[in-house]
Amino acid sequence: MKQIDKNENAVTIRTIAKMANVSHTTVSRALNGSALVKPATREKIAEIARQIGYVPNISAKSLVTNRSYMIGIFFTNLDTGTSASFLTEVIEQAQGLLPKGYSLSINSVDNAMDGQGISVSNFDGVIVISQSESDDEFIEYLHKTGIPLVVLNRVIERTDINNYAIGDELGGKIATEYAIRMGHRKFALIKGLRTFESSKQRTIGVKEAMSAHHIQIAPDMVKQGDYRSKSGNVLMRQILSSGSVPTCVICENDDMALGALNACIELGYQVPRDISIIGFDDMAYSKYLVPPLTTVRKPTPTIISMGVSQLMAIVENGQQDDIEQKVVDPEIIVRSSVLNVTADK
């Protein structure tokens, strides 16, 4: 087989075709995984491409296919509410699931709706990580353009758009029920961002569980956070300084739980001996806290996988088949940050 210098600039599909003694159309099909090319031929062409350092020309490919090979991900708001840990988790998972050659563009619904020159026509498809009903106008706009679209994270009140959401209400409920089983009756709650549906639903779940067990939470023990660690720290300090310290604090995400845990340490309280803490999300760092954090595992990887798979099916097929709408249940992850009060009695 003829060897070509990997630094040679004229490496194209036609170069590979000449070396493999096939047509350039066959090479193009093989490199795109077409079943029309025999497996042995695909393997031969792939090996030649590796040897000569062939890199697909995405710009040229875009002109031929009328695609940008760019997927837009829009979060409700990047400035408030969307924690850095959640943002990173979503981006890493989505990028890992996209077919080779596709890239992500990250922005916020707020920016798109504020007229900041964002053109959705630049994308082959769009994923909206929705946290608020305020996103509905943008979602409707995308739907009307006909661009392939999936909405993740929040249940939307319509049946004509692919939607994969998380059972936040159930998550708040199972977190509270677990603490009650551990013997806790005196609670505090640090809520998430007021305008985010996830916080509203988690709060509903917490209060449903308490009501079912005839437990009341004092109004001054319910604090309004913003999903960031600093708010968890500040609000936990207020709780610990109130003169009526609860036995268990439920935080509506792990970042605020991290801030709350640090506040306990700074003020001389031990977790869970003096006060128990429960988070929500099960971020990657949660199991490495001291103590490891009991939390609700938010099935983000599952809904991202479902969303990307459905979106790419629409993009690749060029048409929408059946609409999928699913709510995925979270689960409690028991670690060491909740004291079993009943065991001490």
C-alpha atoms as a PDB file:
ATOM      1  CA  MET A   1       0.000   0.000   0.000  1.00  0.00           C
ATOM      2  CA  LYS A   2       1.324   3.411  -0.951  1.00  0.00           C
ATOM      3  CA  GLN A   3       2.331   5.496   2.056  1.00  0.00           C
ATOM      4  CA  ILE A   4       1.446   9.176   2.150  1.00  0.00           C
ATOM      5  CA  ASP A   5       3.038  11.744   4.414  1.00  0.00           C
ATOM      6  CA  LYS A   6       0.530  12.558   7.178  1.00  0.00           C
ATOM      7  CA  ASN A   7       1.495  16.211   6.913  1.00  0.00           C
ATOM      8  CA  GLU A   8       0.523  16.376   3.260  1.00  0.00           C
ATOM      9  CA  ASN A   9      -2.188  19.002   2.800  1.00  0.00           C
ATOM     10  CA  ALA A  10      -4.023  17.356  -0.091  1.00  0.00           C
ATOM     11  CA  VAL A  11      -5.516  14.469   1.886  1.00  0.00           C
ATOM     12  CA  THR A  12      -9.119  14.162   0.697  1.00  0.00           C
ATOM     13  CA  ILE A  13     -11.780  11.528   0.141  1.00  0.00           C
ATOM     14  CA  ARG A  14     -10.467  11.162  -3.412  1.00  0.00           C
ATOM     15  CA  THR A  15      -7.003  10.380  -1.983  1.00  0.00           C
ATOM     16  CA  ILE A  16      -8.481   7.542   0.058  1.00  0.00           C
ATOM     17  CA  ALA A  17     -10.548   6.356  -2.913  1.00  0.00           C
ATOM     18  CA  LYS A  18      -7.442   6.083  -5.086  1.00  0.00           C
ATOM     19  CA  MET A  19      -5.542   4.136  -2.438  1.00  0.00           C
ATOM     20  CA  ALA A  20      -8.470   1.790  -1.769  1.00  0.00           C
ATOM     21  CA  ASN A  21      -9.271   1.427  -5.477  1.00  0.00           C
ATOM     22  CA  VAL A  22     -12.914   2.393  -4.964  1.00  0.00           C
ATOM     23  CA  SER A  23     -15.056   5.376  -5.920  1.00  0.00           C
ATOM     24  CA  HIS A  24     -15.072   8.517  -3.808  1.00  0.00           C
ATOM     25  CA  THR A  25     -18.804   7.911  -3.241  1.00  0.00           C
ATOM     26  CA  THR A  26     -17.989   4.567  -1.631  1.00  0.00           C
ATOM     27  CA  VAL A  27     -15.417   6.243   0.615  1.00  0.00           C
ATOM     28  CA  SER A  28     -17.929   8.890   1.686  1.00  0.00           C
ATOM     29  CA  ARG A  29     -20.521   6.251   2.489  1.00  0.00           C
ATOM     30  CA  ALA A  30     -18.016   4.107   4.372  1.00  0.00           C
ATOM     31  CA  LEU A  31     -16.775   6.970   6.533  1.00  0.00           C
ATOM     32  CA  ASN A  32     -20.382   7.788   7.418  1.00  0.00           C
ATOM     33  CA  GLY A  33     -21.088   4.188   8.429  1.00  0.00           C
ATOM     34  CA  SER A  34     -23.439   3.371   5.546  1.00  0.00           C
ATOM     35  CA  ALA A  35     -24.756  -0.190   5.468  1.00  0.00           C
ATOM     36  CA  LEU A  36     -24.508  -0.020   1.654  1.00  0.00           C
ATOM     37  CA  VAL A  37     -20.747  -0.612   1.948  1.00  0.00           C
ATOM     38  CA  LYS A  38     -19.482  -4.078   2.826  1.00  0.00           C
ATOM     39  CA  PRO A  39     -17.976  -4.327   6.343  1.00  0.00           C
ATOM     40  CA  ALA A  40     -14.599  -5.433   4.980  1.00  0.00           C
ATOM     41  CA  THR A  41     -14.501  -2.431   2.651  1.00  0.00           C
ATOM     42  CA  ARG A  42     -15.544  -0.056   5.446  1.00  0.00           C
ATOM     43  CA  GLU A  43     -12.768  -1.421   7.642  1.00  0.00           C
ATOM     44  CA  LYS A  44     -10.190  -1.086   4.857  1.00  0.00           C
ATOM     45  CA  ILE A  45     -11.202   2.513   4.144  1.00  0.00           C
ATOM     46  CA  ALA A  46     -11.210   3.399   7.856  1.00  0.00           C
ATOM     47  CA  GLU A  47      -7.690   1.995   8.235  1.00  0.00           C
ATOM     48  CA  ILE A  48      -6.414   4.010   5.273  1.00  0.00           C
ATOM     49  CA  ALA A  49      -8.023   7.151   6.704  1.00  0.00           C
ATOM     50  CA  ARG A  50      -6.271   6.555  10.035  1.00  0.00           C
ATOM     51  CA  GLN A  51      -2.912   5.948   8.348  1.00  0.00           C
ATOM     52  CA  ILE A  52      -2.948   9.121   6.322  1.00  0.00           C
ATOM     53  CA  GLY A  53      -4.453  11.278   9.079  1.00  0.00           C
ATOM     54  CA  TYR A  54      -7.621  12.131   7.189  1.00  0.00           C
ATOM     55  CA  VAL A  55      -9.841  14.672   9.008  1.00  0.00           C
ATOM     56  CA  PRO A  56     -13.362  15.247   7.612  1.00  0.00           C
ATOM     57  CA  ASN A  57     -13.993  18.747   6.353  1.00  0.00           C
ATOM     58  CA  ILE A  58     -17.086  19.620   8.365  1.00  0.00           C
ATOM     59  CA  SER A  59     -17.573  22.926   6.551  1.00  0.00           C
ATOM     60  CA  ALA A  60     -17.613  21.236   3.168  1.00  0.00           C
ATOM     61  CA  LYS A  61     -19.825  18.490   4.513  1.00  0.00           C
ATOM     62  CA  SER A  62     -22.246  21.102   5.822  1.00  0.00           C
ATOM     63  CA  LEU A  63     -22.555  22.662   2.365  1.00  0.00           C
ATOM     64  CA  VAL A  64     -23.349  19.307   0.793  1.00  0.00           C
ATOM     65  CA  THR A  65     -25.816  18.133   3.448  1.00  0.00           C
ATOM     66  CA  ASN A  66     -27.289  21.553   4.329  1.00  0.00           C
ATOM     67  CA  ARG A  67     -26.449  20.924   7.982  1.00  0.00           C
ATOM     68  CA  SER A  68     -24.432  22.865  10.524  1.00  0.00           C
ATOM     69  CA  TYR A  69     -23.551  19.824  12.689  1.00  0.00           C
ATOM     70  CA  MET A  70     -24.251  22.068  15.651  1.00  0.00           C
ATOM     71  CA  ILE A  71     -26.756  21.317  18.426  1.00  0.00           C
ATOM     72  CA  GLY A  72     -27.974  24.185  20.606  1.00  0.00           C
ATOM     73  CA  ILE A  73     -28.521  23.671  24.335  1.00  0.00           C
ATOM     74  CA  PHE A  74     -30.497  26.412  26.054  1.00  0.00           C
ATOM     75  CA  PHE A  75     -30.725  26.624  29.845  1.00  0.00           C
ATOM     76  CA  THR A  76     -33.403  28.795  31.446  1.00  0.00           C
ATOM     77  CA  ASN A  77     -30.812  31.156  32.888  1.00  0.00           C
ATOM     78  CA  LEU A  78     -27.028  30.892  33.113  1.00  0.00           C
ATOM     79  CA  ASP A  79     -26.595  33.739  35.597  1.00  0.00           C
ATOM     80  CA  THR A  80     -28.874  32.550  38.407  1.00  0.00           C
ATOM     81  CA  GLY A  81     -30.318  29.219  39.429  1.00  0.00           C
ATOM     82  CA  THR A  82     -28.285  26.988  37.107  1.00  0.00           C
ATOM     83  CA  SER A  83     -25.389  25.786  39.249  1.00  0.00           C
ATOM     84  CA  ALA A  84     -21.954  25.284  37.727  1.00  0.00           C
ATOM     85  CA  SER A  85     -22.022  21.606  38.717  1.00  0.00           C
ATOM     86  CA  PHE A  86     -25.349  20.955  36.961  1.00  0.00           C
ATOM     87  CA  LEU A  87     -24.260  22.920  33.895  1.00  0.00           C
ATOM     88  CA  THR A  88     -21.031  20.921  33.620  1.00  0.00           C
ATOM     89  CA  GLU A  89     -22.814  17.610  34.113  1.00  0.00           C
ATOM     90  CA  VAL A  90     -25.347  18.286  31.358  1.00  0.00           C
ATOM     91  CA  ILE A  91     -22.757  19.526  28.840  1.00  0.00           C
ATOM     92  CA  GLU A  92     -20.362  16.618  29.411  1.00  0.00           C
ATOM     93  CA  GLN A  93     -23.105  14.015  29.092  1.00  0.00           C
ATOM     94  CA  ALA A  94     -24.702  15.575  26.016  1.00  0.00           C
ATOM     95  CA  GLN A  95     -21.362  15.979  24.218  1.00  0.00           C
ATOM     96  CA  GLY A  96     -20.467  12.372  24.975  1.00  0.00           C
ATOM     97  CA  LEU A  97     -23.739  11.120  23.472  1.00  0.00           C
ATOM     98  CA  LEU A  98     -23.675  13.157  20.249  1.00  0.00           C
ATOM     99  CA  PRO A  99     -22.518  11.395  17.072  1.00  0.00           C
ATOM    100  CA  LYS A 100     -18.989  12.114  15.947  1.00  0.00           C
ATOM    101  CA  GLY A 101     -18.653  15.428  14.144  1.00  0.00           C
ATOM    102  CA  TYR A 102     -21.377  17.263  16.077  1.00  0.00           C
ATOM    103  CA  SER A 103     -20.667  20.167  18.424  1.00  0.00           C
ATOM    104  CA  LEU A 104     -22.641  21.924  21.145  1.00  0.00           C
ATOM    105  CA  SER A 105     -23.507  25.598  21.477  1.00  0.00           C
ATOM    106  CA  ILE A 106     -24.503  26.659  25.002  1.00  0.00           C
ATOM    107  CA  ASN A 107     -26.712  29.627  25.799  1.00  0.00           C
ATOM    108  CA  SER A 108     -29.711  30.683  27.856  1.00  0.00           C
ATOM    109  CA  VAL A 109     -33.364  31.173  27.036  1.00  0.00           C
ATOM    110  CA  ASP A 110     -33.092  34.621  28.622  1.00  0.00           C
ATOM    111  CA  ASN A 111     -30.380  35.653  26.168  1.00  0.00           C
ATOM    112  CA  ALA A 112     -32.296  34.261  23.205  1.00  0.00           C
ATOM    113  CA  MET A 113     -35.462  36.113  24.184  1.00  0.00           C
ATOM    114  CA  ASP A 114     -33.607  39.366  24.913  1.00  0.00           C
ATOM    115  CA  GLY A 115     -32.674  39.782  21.264  1.00  0.00           C
ATOM    116  CA  GLN A 116     -28.966  39.051  21.574  1.00  0.00           C
ATOM    117  CA  GLY A 117     -28.580  37.964  17.967  1.00  0.00           C
ATOM    118  CA  ILE A 118     -28.983  34.228  18.526  1.00  0.00           C
ATOM    119  CA  SER A 119     -30.265  32.541  15.366  1.00  0.00           C
ATOM    120  CA  VAL A 120     -31.699  29.061  15.884  1.00  0.00           C
ATOM    121  CA  SER A 121     -31.388  28.518  12.121  1.00  0.00           C
ATOM    122  CA  ASN A 122     -27.690  27.895  12.823  1.00  0.00           C
ATOM    123  CA  PHE A 123     -28.559  24.647  14.620  1.00  0.00           C
ATOM    124  CA  ASP A 124     -29.543  21.214  13.348  1.00  0.00           C
ATOM    125  CA  GLY A 125     -31.534  20.702  16.536  1.00  0.00           C
ATOM    126  CA  VAL A 126     -32.183  22.263  19.936  1.00  0.00           C
ATOM    127  CA  ILE A 127     -32.331  20.919  23.489  1.00  0.00           C
ATOM    128  CA  VAL A 128     -34.050  23.150  26.050  1.00  0.00           C
ATOM    129  CA  ILE A 129     -33.110  22.404  29.675  1.00  0.00           C
ATOM    130  CA  SER A 130     -36.210  24.038  31.079  1.00  0.00           C
ATOM    131  CA  GLN A 131     -36.669  25.139  34.675  1.00  0.00           C
ATOM    132  CA  SER A 132     -39.489  27.631  34.400  1.00  0.00           C
ATOM    133  CA  GLU A 133     -42.804  28.355  32.708  1.00  0.00           C
ATOM    134  CA  SER A 134     -41.133  31.530  31.460  1.00  0.00           C
ATOM    135  CA  ASP A 135     -39.451  29.282  28.846  1.00  0.00           C
ATOM    136  CA  ASP A 136     -42.786  28.460  27.207  1.00  0.00           C
ATOM    137  CA  GLU A 137     -42.692  31.397  24.790  1.00  0.00           C
ATOM    138  CA  PHE A 138     -39.251  30.348  23.512  1.00  0.00           C
ATOM    139  CA  ILE A 139     -40.340  26.704  23.276  1.00  0.00           C
ATOM    140  CA  GLU A 140     -43.382  27.720  21.231  1.00  0.00           C
ATOM    141  CA  TYR A 141     -41.187  29.828  18.948  1.00  0.00           C
ATOM    142  CA  LEU A 142     -38.841  26.883  18.332  1.00  0.00           C
ATOM    143  CA  HIS A 143     -41.769  24.577  17.685  1.00  0.00           C
ATOM    144  CA  LYS A 144     -43.199  26.949  15.077  1.00  0.00           C
ATOM    145  CA  THR A 145     -39.874  27.110  13.211  1.00  0.00           C
ATOM    146  CA  GLY A 146     -40.013  23.334  12.747  1.00  0.00           C
ATOM    147  CA  ILE A 147     -36.491  22.817  14.079  1.00  0.00           C
ATOM    148  CA  PRO A 148     -35.931  19.392  15.732  1.00  0.00           C
ATOM    149  CA  LEU A 149     -36.590  19.997  19.425  1.00  0.00           C
ATOM    150  CA  VAL A 150     -36.644  18.235  22.785  1.00  0.00           C
ATOM    151  CA  VAL A 151     -37.453  19.787  26.164  1.00  0.00           C
ATOM    152  CA  LEU A 152     -35.776  18.257  29.209  1.00  0.00           C
ATOM    153  CA  ASN A 153     -35.999  18.542  32.985  1.00  0.00           C
ATOM    154  CA  ARG A 154     -39.477  20.137  33.408  1.00  0.00           C
ATOM    155  CA  VAL A 155     -42.889  18.714  32.572  1.00  0.00           C
ATOM    156  CA  ILE A 156     -44.437  20.968  29.924  1.00  0.00           C
ATOM    157  CA  GLU A 157     -48.190  21.376  29.562  1.00  0.00           C
ATOM    158  CA  ARG A 158     -48.482  20.306  25.925  1.00  0.00           C
ATOM    159  CA  THR A 159     -48.467  17.033  24.010  1.00  0.00           C
ATOM    160  CA  ASP A 160     -46.845  17.965  20.688  1.00  0.00           C
ATOM    161  CA  ILE A 161     -43.193  18.243  21.804  1.00  0.00           C
ATOM    162  CA  ASN A 162     -40.776  15.553  22.987  1.00  0.00           C
ATOM    163  CA  ASN A 163     -40.404  15.999  26.732  1.00  0.00           C
ATOM    164  CA  TYR A 164     -38.285  14.085  29.260  1.00  0.00           C
ATOM    165  CA  ALA A 165     -38.669  15.293  32.829  1.00  0.00           C
ATOM    166  CA  ILE A 166     -37.746  14.435  36.390  1.00  0.00           C
ATOM    167  CA  GLY A 167     -40.148  13.572  39.200  1.00  0.00           C
ATOM    168  CA  ASP A 168     -39.096  16.428  41.471  1.00  0.00           C
ATOM    169  CA  GLU A 169     -42.195  16.202  43.649  1.00  0.00           C
ATOM    170  CA  LEU A 170     -41.526  12.525  44.314  1.00  0.00           C
ATOM    171  CA  GLY A 171     -37.902  13.394  45.091  1.00  0.00           C
ATOM    172  CA  GLY A 172     -38.892  15.869  47.803  1.00  0.00           C
ATOM    173  CA  LYS A 173     -41.326  13.324  49.202  1.00  0.00           C
ATOM    174  CA  ILE A 174     -38.914  10.380  49.424  1.00  0.00           C
ATOM    175  CA  ALA A 175     -36.197  12.544  50.990  1.00  0.00           C
ATOM    176  CA  THR A 176     -38.569  13.641  53.730  1.00  0.00           C
ATOM    177  CA  GLU A 177     -40.008  10.172  54.260  1.00  0.00           C
ATOM    178  CA  TYR A 178     -36.510   8.776  54.702  1.00  0.00           C
ATOM    179  CA  ALA A 179     -35.726  11.359  57.399  1.00  0.00           C
ATOM    180  CA  ILE A 180     -39.012  10.581  59.133  1.00  0.00           C
ATOM    181  CA  ARG A 181     -38.168   6.865  59.117  1.00  0.00           C
ATOM    182  CA  MET A 182     -34.893   7.796  60.787  1.00  0.00           C
ATOM    183  CA  GLY A 183     -36.935   9.355  63.595  1.00  0.00           C
ATOM    184  CA  HIS A 184     -36.731  13.044  62.668  1.00  0.00           C
ATOM    185  CA  ARG A 185     -39.704  15.274  63.437  1.00  0.00           C
ATOM    186  CA  LYS A 186     -38.132  18.715  63.713  1.00  0.00           C
ATOM    187  CA  PHE A 187     -37.227  19.998  60.248  1.00  0.00           C
ATOM    188  CA  ALA A 188     -35.876  22.985  58.375  1.00  0.00           C
ATOM    189  CA  LEU A 189     -36.108  23.434  54.611  1.00  0.00           C
ATOM    190  CA  ILE A 190     -33.788  25.410  52.341  1.00  0.00           C
ATOM    191  CA  LYS A 191     -35.657  25.945  49.090  1.00  0.00           C
ATOM    192  CA  GLY A 192     -34.273  26.515  45.594  1.00  0.00           C
ATOM    193  CA  LEU A 193     -34.811  29.433  43.250  1.00  0.00           C
ATOM    194  CA  ARG A 194     -38.335  30.785  43.630  1.00  0.00           C
ATOM    195  CA  THR A 195     -39.101  30.926  39.885  1.00  0.00           C
ATOM    196  CA  PHE A 196     -37.836  27.421  39.094  1.00  0.00           C
ATOM    197  CA  GLU A 197     -40.406  24.648  38.769  1.00  0.00           C
ATOM    198  CA  SER A 198     -38.017  22.093  40.258  1.00  0.00           C
ATOM    199  CA  SER A 199     -37.987  24.004  43.546  1.00  0.00           C
ATOM    200  CA  LYS A 200     -41.766  24.352  43.588  1.00  0.00           C
ATOM    201  CA  GLN A 201     -42.258  20.632  43.002  1.00  0.00           C
ATOM    202  CA  ARG A 202     -39.645  19.554  45.552  1.00  0.00           C
ATOM    203  CA  THR A 203     -41.264  21.788  48.164  1.00  0.00           C
ATOM    204  CA  ILE A 204     -44.656  20.244  47.412  1.00  0.00           C
ATOM    205  CA  GLY A 205     -43.184  16.774  47.914  1.00  0.00           C
ATOM    206  CA  VAL A 206     -41.556  17.709  51.219  1.00  0.00           C
ATOM    207  CA  LYS A 207     -44.760  19.197  52.597  1.00  0.00           C
ATOM    208  CA  GLU A 208     -46.888  16.276  51.378  1.00  0.00           C
ATOM    209  CA  ALA A 209     -44.704  13.817  53.281  1.00  0.00           C
ATOM    210  CA  MET A 210     -44.815  15.950  56.439  1.00  0.00           C
ATOM    211  CA  SER A 211     -48.584  16.336  56.203  1.00  0.00           C
ATOM    212  CA  ALA A 212     -49.044  12.586  55.809  1.00  0.00           C
ATOM    213  CA  HIS A 213     -47.219  12.117  59.128  1.00  0.00           C
ATOM    214  CA  HIS A 214     -48.922  15.081  60.832  1.00  0.00           C
ATOM    215  CA  ILE A 215     -45.634  16.993  61.094  1.00  0.00           C
ATOM    216  CA  GLN A 216     -45.590  20.772  60.947  1.00  0.00           C
ATOM    217  CA  ILE A 217     -42.578  22.852  59.959  1.00  0.00           C
ATOM    218  CA  ALA A 218     -42.219  26.242  61.611  1.00  0.00           C
ATOM    219  CA  PRO A 219     -42.475  29.120  59.111  1.00  0.00           C
ATOM    220  CA  ASP A 220     -39.128  30.563  60.244  1.00  0.00           C
ATOM    221  CA  MET A 221     -37.522  27.192  59.437  1.00  0.00           C
ATOM    222  CA  VAL A 222     -38.397  27.510  55.730  1.00  0.00           C
ATOM    223  CA  LYS A 223     -35.712  29.542  53.950  1.00  0.00           C
ATOM    224  CA  GLN A 224     -35.624  30.753  50.341  1.00  0.00           C
ATOM    225  CA  GLY A 225     -32.322  29.923  48.665  1.00  0.00           C
ATOM    226  CA  ASP A 226     -31.139  30.210  45.065  1.00  0.00           C
ATOM    227  CA  TYR A 227     -29.528  26.782  44.420  1.00  0.00           C
ATOM    228  CA  ARG A 228     -26.023  28.129  45.070  1.00  0.00           C
ATOM    229  CA  SER A 229     -23.646  27.097  47.850  1.00  0.00           C
ATOM    230  CA  LYS A 230     -23.405  30.583  49.323  1.00  0.00           C
ATOM    231  CA  SER A 231     -27.152  30.767  49.934  1.00  0.00           C
ATOM    232  CA  GLY A 232     -27.038  27.369  51.642  1.00  0.00           C
ATOM    233  CA  ASN A 233     -24.283  28.619  53.926  1.00  0.00           C
ATOM    234  CA  VAL A 234     -25.973  31.929  54.777  1.00  0.00           C
ATOM    235  CA  LEU A 235     -29.373  30.365  55.405  1.00  0.00           C
ATOM    236  CA  MET A 236     -27.949  27.543  57.486  1.00  0.00           C
ATOM    237  CA  ARG A 237     -26.261  30.128  59.702  1.00  0.00           C
ATOM    238  CA  GLN A 238     -29.645  31.777  60.202  1.00  0.00           C
ATOM    239  CA  ILE A 239     -31.187  28.438  61.130  1.00  0.00           C
ATOM    240  CA  LEU A 240     -28.410  27.577  63.590  1.00  0.00           C
ATOM    241  CA  SER A 241     -28.664  31.029  65.159  1.00  0.00           C
ATOM    242  CA  SER A 242     -32.444  30.896  65.589  1.00  0.00           C
ATOM    243  CA  GLY A 243     -32.399  29.380  69.079  1.00  0.00           C
ATOM    244  CA  SER A 244     -34.548  26.455  67.908  1.00  0.00           C
ATOM    245  CA  VAL A 245     -32.243  24.164  65.973  1.00  0.00           C
ATOM    246  CA  PRO A 246     -33.952  21.393  63.936  1.00  0.00           C
ATOM    247  CA  THR A 247     -32.648  17.840  63.903  1.00  0.00           C
ATOM    248  CA  CYS A 248     -32.718  17.629  60.079  1.00  0.00           C
ATOM    249  CA  VAL A 249     -32.337  20.193  57.293  1.00  0.00           C
ATOM    250  CA  ILE A 250     -33.528  19.341  53.796  1.00  0.00           C
ATOM    251  CA  CYS A 251     -31.775  21.293  51.047  1.00  0.00           C
ATOM    252  CA  GLU A 252     -33.324  21.336  47.588  1.00  0.00           C
ATOM    253  CA  ASN A 253     -30.011  20.755  45.850  1.00  0.00           C
ATOM    254  CA  ASP A 254     -26.536  19.480  46.723  1.00  0.00           C
ATOM    255  CA  ASP A 255     -24.788  22.801  46.200  1.00  0.00           C
ATOM    256  CA  MET A 256     -26.868  24.417  48.959  1.00  0.00           C
ATOM    257  CA  ALA A 257     -26.355  21.299  51.103  1.00  0.00           C
ATOM    258  CA  LEU A 258     -22.598  21.777  50.683  1.00  0.00           C
ATOM    259  CA  GLY A 259     -22.895  25.376  51.887  1.00  0.00           C
ATOM    260  CA  ALA A 260     -25.077  24.274  54.799  1.00  0.00           C
ATOM    261  CA  LEU A 261     -22.601  21.569  55.790  1.00  0.00           C
ATOM    262  CA  ASN A 262     -19.756  24.083  55.826  1.00  0.00           C
ATOM    263  CA  ALA A 263     -21.825  26.450  57.979  1.00  0.00           C
ATOM    264  CA  CYS A 264     -22.293  23.676  60.535  1.00  0.00           C
ATOM    265  CA  ILE A 265     -18.559  23.027  60.665  1.00  0.00           C
ATOM    266  CA  GLU A 266     -17.768  26.740  60.952  1.00  0.00           C
ATOM    267  CA  LEU A 267     -20.209  27.169  63.848  1.00  0.00           C
ATOM    268  CA  GLY A 268     -19.032  24.091  65.725  1.00  0.00           C
ATOM    269  CA  TYR A 269     -21.880  21.698  64.925  1.00  0.00           C
ATOM    270  CA  GLN A 270     -21.177  18.115  63.921  1.00  0.00           C
ATOM    271  CA  VAL A 271     -23.053  16.429  61.078  1.00  0.00           C
ATOM    272  CA  PRO A 272     -24.917  14.180  61.660  1.00  0.00           C
ATOM    273  CA  ARG A 273     -24.449  13.992  65.444  1.00  0.00           C
ATOM    274  CA  ASP A 274     -25.884  17.450  66.106  1.00  0.00           C
ATOM    275  CA  ILE A 275     -27.833  18.049  62.912  1.00  0.00           C
ATOM    276  CA  SER A 276     -28.619  15.961  59.820  1.00  0.00           C
ATOM    277  CA  ILE A 277     -28.525  17.225  56.235  1.00  0.00           C
ATOM    278  CA  ILE A 278     -30.158  15.898  53.059  1.00  0.00           C
ATOM    279  CA  GLY A 279     -29.416  17.202  49.566  1.00  0.00           C
ATOM    280  CA  PHE A 280     -30.909  16.738  46.125  1.00  0.00           C
ATOM    281  CA  ASP A 281     -29.286  15.894  42.734  1.00  0.00           C
ATOM    282  CA  ASP A 282     -26.480  13.496  43.788  1.00  0.00           C
ATOM    283  CA  MET A 283     -23.754  15.536  42.138  1.00  0.00           C
ATOM    284  CA  ALA A 284     -20.431  13.796  41.568  1.00  0.00           C
ATOM    285  CA  TYR A 285     -18.791  15.417  44.614  1.00  0.00           C
ATOM    286  CA  SER A 286     -21.577  14.488  47.069  1.00  0.00           C
ATOM    287  CA  LYS A 287     -20.135  11.128  48.048  1.00  0.00           C
ATOM    288  CA  TYR A 288     -16.770  12.750  48.822  1.00  0.00           C
ATOM    289  CA  LEU A 289     -18.064  15.285  51.365  1.00  0.00           C
ATOM    290  CA  VAL A 290     -17.384  14.748  55.058  1.00  0.00           C
ATOM    291  CA  PRO A 291     -19.665  13.143  55.946  1.00  0.00           C
ATOM    292  CA  PRO A 292     -20.792  11.739  52.574  1.00  0.00           C
ATOM    293  CA  LEU A 293     -24.108  13.366  51.698  1.00  0.00           C
ATOM    294  CA  THR A 294     -27.440  11.563  51.788  1.00  0.00           C
ATOM    295  CA  THR A 295     -29.252  12.941  48.754  1.00  0.00           C
ATOM    296  CA  VAL A 296     -31.849  12.318  46.073  1.00  0.00           C
ATOM    297  CA  ARG A 297     -30.330  11.071  42.852  1.00  0.00           C
ATOM    298  CA  LYS A 298     -31.737  13.131  40.018  1.00  0.00           C
ATOM    299  CA  PRO A 299     -31.789  10.927  36.875  1.00  0.00           C
ATOM    300  CA  THR A 300     -30.131  13.590  34.717  1.00  0.00           C
ATOM    301  CA  PRO A 301     -28.055  11.064  32.706  1.00  0.00           C
ATOM    302  CA  THR A 302     -31.224   9.161  31.812  1.00  0.00           C
ATOM    303  CA  ILE A 303     -33.168  12.145  30.527  1.00  0.00           C
ATOM    304  CA  ILE A 304     -30.127  13.521  28.671  1.00  0.00           C
ATOM    305  CA  SER A 305     -29.651  10.148  26.982  1.00  0.00           C
ATOM    306  CA  MET A 306     -33.336   9.941  26.052  1.00  0.00           C
ATOM    307  CA  GLY A 307     -33.359  13.523  24.793  1.00  0.00           C
ATOM    308  CA  VAL A 308     -30.200  13.325  22.683  1.00  0.00           C
ATOM    309  CA  SER A 309     -31.264   9.969  21.204  1.00  0.00           C
ATOM    310  CA  GLN A 310     -34.695  11.270  20.221  1.00  0.00           C
ATOM    311  CA  LEU A 311     -33.311  14.547  18.877  1.00  0.00           C
ATOM    312  CA  MET A 312     -30.703  12.852  16.697  1.00  0.00           C
ATOM    313  CA  ALA A 313     -33.307  10.429  15.370  1.00  0.00           C
ATOM    314  CA  ILE A 314     -35.328  13.422  14.175  1.00  0.00           C
ATOM    315  CA  VAL A 315     -32.242  15.189  12.772  1.00  0.00           C
ATOM    316  CA  GLU A 316     -30.976  12.125  10.927  1.00  0.00           C
ATOM    317  CA  ASN A 317     -34.366  10.985   9.623  1.00  0.00           C
ATOM    318  CA  GLY A 318     -35.485  14.463   8.683  1.00  0.00           C
ATOM    319  CA  GLN A 319     -38.937  13.886  10.131  1.00  0.00           C
ATOM    320  CA  GLN A 320     -40.793  13.518  13.425  1.00  0.00           C
ATOM    321  CA  ASP A 321     -42.384  10.178  14.240  1.00  0.00           C
ATOM    322  CA  ASP A 322     -44.164   9.520  17.530  1.00  0.00           C
ATOM    323  CA  ILE A 323     -43.899  12.154  20.269  1.00  0.00           C
ATOM    324  CA  GLU A 324     -42.353  10.842  23.496  1.00  0.00           C
ATOM    325  CA  GLN A 325     -43.138  12.324  26.903  1.00  0.00           C
ATOM    326  CA  LYS A 326     -41.752  10.637  30.000  1.00  0.00           C
ATOM    327  CA  VAL A 327     -41.201  11.465  33.672  1.00  0.00           C
ATOM    328  CA  VAL A 328     -38.297   9.581  35.252  1.00  0.00           C
ATOM    329  CA  ASP A 329     -38.412   8.922  38.993  1.00  0.00           C
ATOM    330  CA  PRO A 330     -35.499   9.887  41.267  1.00  0.00           C
ATOM    331  CA  GLU A 331     -34.190   7.693  44.102  1.00  0.00           C
ATOM    332  CA  ILE A 332     -32.849   8.275  47.598  1.00  0.00           C
ATOM    333  CA  ILE A 333     -29.105   7.695  48.006  1.00  0.00           C
ATOM    334  CA  VAL A 334     -28.356   6.896  51.641  1.00  0.00           C
ATOM    335  CA  ARG A 335     -24.951   7.893  52.947  1.00  0.00           C
ATOM    336  CA  SER A 336     -23.796   9.214  56.323  1.00  0.00           C
ATOM    337  CA  SER A 337     -25.215  12.716  56.755  1.00  0.00           C
ATOM    338  CA  VAL A 338     -28.495  11.640  58.416  1.00  0.00           C
ATOM    339  CA  LEU A 339     -28.528  10.358  61.991  1.00  0.00           C
ATOM    340  CA  ASN A 340     -30.796   7.448  62.860  1.00  0.00           C
ATOM    341  CA  VAL A 341     -32.542   9.059  65.821  1.00  0.00           C
ATOM    342  CA  THR A 342     -34.610   5.964  66.562  1.00  0.00           C
ATOM    343  CA  ALA A 343     -31.449   3.938  67.166  1.00  0.00           C
ATOM    344  CA  ASP A 344     -30.498   6.252  70.032  1.00  0.00           C
ATOM    345  CA  LYS A 345     -33.800   5.746  71.872  1.00  0.00           C
END
